Amino acid sequence: MKEFRNMLYAIDLDDERPSSMIFALECARLFKSRLHVVYVNDPQAGYRHPTDREDTIALKVRKAVSEGLLEGLEIVYAAAKGNVAEEIVRYAEAHAIDLIIVGHKHRSKLYSSMFDSTDVNIIDTALRPILVIPEK
């Protein structure tokens, strides 16, 4: 079985549904992995989060899930600015990430035909295993 020592969860600070985040934390616990929670502030999104620092990301995670879920996990929080897919892949390569975990929001066909999906862009860019979790 493949070992996943370093996992990356690409967090969306705007998303209020923690289902993919909970899944990423549970995976990290199951595989006894370090989990890198990475937020990328995309210039195309208008820099909605000017305080996209590691402490802001950690606070978002702590507010979204129970304390017990975080207990005993090694979590690294990181922030970057730029194209989301490119920055996630760059971070994954620099930190020997074995598995990337991303949430997927279902969009209408019209929306999907007009706009790129971040998770699809990551899948198309990364050359490593990716786990896509549908948001509930």
Protein backbone atom coordinates (compact mmCIF):
# COMPACT_ATOMS: atom_id res chain seq x y z
CA MET A 1 0.00 0.00 0.00
CA LYS A 2 1.22 3.49 -0.84
CA GLU A 3 2.31 5.56 2.12
CA PHE A 4 1.06 9.09 2.35
CA ARG A 5 3.45 10.89 4.73
CA ASN A 6 2.64 14.41 3.54
CA MET A 7 -0.85 15.40 2.45
CA LEU A 8 -1.98 18.79 1.19
CA TYR A 9 -5.49 20.15 1.65
CA ALA A 10 -6.26 23.13 -0.57
CA ILE A 11 -8.54 25.26 1.62
CA ASP A 12 -11.07 27.79 0.36
CA LEU A 13 -11.47 30.50 3.01
CA ASP A 14 -14.84 31.50 1.52
CA ASP A 15 -16.35 28.03 1.87
CA GLU A 16 -18.55 27.59 4.92
CA ARG A 17 -19.05 23.83 4.41
CA PRO A 18 -16.28 21.92 6.20
CA SER A 19 -17.04 18.45 4.76
CA SER A 20 -13.90 18.19 2.59
CA MET A 21 -11.77 19.70 5.38
CA ILE A 22 -13.10 17.11 7.84
CA PHE A 23 -12.35 14.36 5.33
CA ALA A 24 -8.78 15.66 4.86
CA LEU A 25 -8.21 15.70 8.63
CA GLU A 26 -9.60 12.17 8.96
CA CYS A 27 -7.33 10.97 6.13
CA ALA A 28 -4.30 12.51 7.82
CA ARG A 29 -5.21 10.72 11.04
CA LEU A 30 -5.83 7.40 9.27
CA PHE A 31 -2.49 7.47 7.45
CA LYS A 32 -0.61 9.13 10.33
CA SER A 33 0.40 11.88 7.92
CA ARG A 34 1.43 15.48 8.22
CA LEU A 35 -1.33 17.64 6.73
CA HIS A 36 -0.42 20.86 4.95
CA VAL A 37 -3.44 23.19 4.83
CA VAL A 38 -2.69 25.63 2.02
CA TYR A 39 -4.64 28.70 0.97
CA VAL A 40 -3.85 30.47 -2.29
CA ASN A 41 -5.09 34.02 -2.75
CA ASP A 42 -5.75 34.32 -6.47
CA PRO A 43 -5.32 37.84 -7.92
CA GLN A 44 -8.21 37.09 -10.28
CA ALA A 45 -10.46 36.77 -7.22
CA GLY A 46 -9.73 40.36 -6.18
CA TYR A 47 -7.72 39.56 -3.02
CA ARG A 48 -10.79 39.07 -0.87
CA HIS A 49 -8.60 37.97 2.05
CA PRO A 50 -5.84 40.51 2.58
CA THR A 51 -4.99 38.79 5.89
CA ASP A 52 -4.30 35.41 4.29
CA ARG A 53 -1.59 34.52 6.76
CA GLU A 54 -0.95 31.17 8.39
CA ASP A 55 -2.67 32.24 11.63
CA THR A 56 -5.81 33.23 9.71
CA ILE A 57 -5.91 29.83 8.03
CA ALA A 58 -5.40 28.04 11.35
CA LEU A 59 -8.23 30.06 12.92
CA LYS A 60 -10.57 29.13 10.05
CA VAL A 61 -9.79 25.44 10.56
CA ARG A 62 -10.25 25.64 14.35
CA LYS A 63 -13.62 27.39 13.92
CA ALA A 64 -14.86 24.87 11.34
CA VAL A 65 -14.13 21.58 13.11
CA SER A 66 -14.19 20.16 16.63
CA GLU A 67 -11.05 20.40 18.74
CA GLY A 68 -10.98 16.60 19.07
CA LEU A 69 -10.54 16.22 15.32
CA LEU A 70 -7.36 18.31 15.45
CA GLU A 71 -5.91 16.54 18.48
CA GLY A 72 -2.68 14.68 17.82
CA LEU A 73 -2.38 15.78 14.18
CA GLU A 74 0.67 17.49 12.76
CA ILE A 75 -0.73 20.36 10.71
CA VAL A 76 1.25 22.90 8.71
CA TYR A 77 -0.58 26.05 7.62
CA ALA A 78 0.64 27.95 4.56
CA ALA A 79 -0.47 30.81 2.33
CA ALA A 80 0.52 31.86 -1.16
CA LYS A 81 -0.57 34.36 -3.80
CA GLY A 82 -1.00 33.60 -7.47
CA ASN A 83 -2.76 31.12 -9.71
CA VAL A 84 -4.31 28.52 -7.41
CA ALA A 85 -3.41 25.41 -9.43
CA GLU A 86 0.15 26.56 -10.11
CA GLU A 87 0.79 27.54 -6.48
CA ILE A 88 -0.67 24.28 -5.12
CA VAL A 89 1.53 22.25 -7.47
CA ARG A 90 4.59 24.38 -6.64
CA TYR A 91 3.98 23.88 -2.91
CA ALA A 92 3.41 20.13 -3.41
CA GLU A 93 6.71 19.76 -5.24
CA ALA A 94 8.64 21.84 -2.69
CA HIS A 95 7.27 19.88 0.29
CA ALA A 96 7.25 16.32 -1.09
CA ILE A 97 3.46 16.06 -0.95
CA ASP A 98 2.23 12.50 -1.59
CA LEU A 99 -1.49 13.29 -1.90
CA ILE A 100 -3.42 16.47 -2.70
CA ILE A 101 -6.96 16.73 -1.35
CA VAL A 102 -9.40 19.24 -2.83
CA GLY A 103 -13.08 19.90 -2.35
CA HIS A 104 -15.43 20.04 -5.31
CA LYS A 105 -18.46 22.31 -5.52
CA HIS A 106 -21.12 21.22 -7.96
CA ARG A 107 -21.83 24.00 -10.45
CA SER A 108 -24.50 24.31 -13.09
CA LYS A 109 -23.59 23.42 -16.66
CA LEU A 110 -23.89 27.07 -17.65
CA TYR A 111 -21.51 28.18 -14.88
CA SER A 112 -19.10 25.35 -15.70
CA SER A 113 -19.04 26.27 -19.38
CA MET A 114 -18.17 29.90 -18.61
CA PHE A 115 -15.71 29.56 -15.71
CA ASP A 116 -12.80 27.30 -14.86
CA SER A 117 -13.06 25.06 -11.83
CA THR A 118 -10.17 25.29 -9.37
CA ASP A 119 -10.23 21.57 -8.59
CA VAL A 120 -10.16 20.64 -12.29
CA ASN A 121 -7.26 23.03 -12.87
CA ILE A 122 -5.32 21.37 -10.03
CA ILE A 123 -6.05 17.92 -11.47
CA ASP A 124 -4.88 19.04 -14.90
CA THR A 125 -1.68 20.60 -13.52
CA ALA A 126 -0.49 18.23 -10.78
CA LEU A 127 1.40 15.06 -11.60
CA ARG A 128 0.67 13.29 -8.32
CA PRO A 129 -2.31 11.57 -6.69
CA ILE A 130 -5.29 13.84 -6.05
CA LEU A 131 -8.36 13.04 -3.99
CA VAL A 132 -11.45 15.10 -4.89
CA ILE A 133 -14.14 15.33 -2.20
CA PRO A 134 -17.63 16.53 -3.18
CA GLU A 135 -18.85 19.27 -0.87
CA LYS A 136 -22.17 18.51 0.81
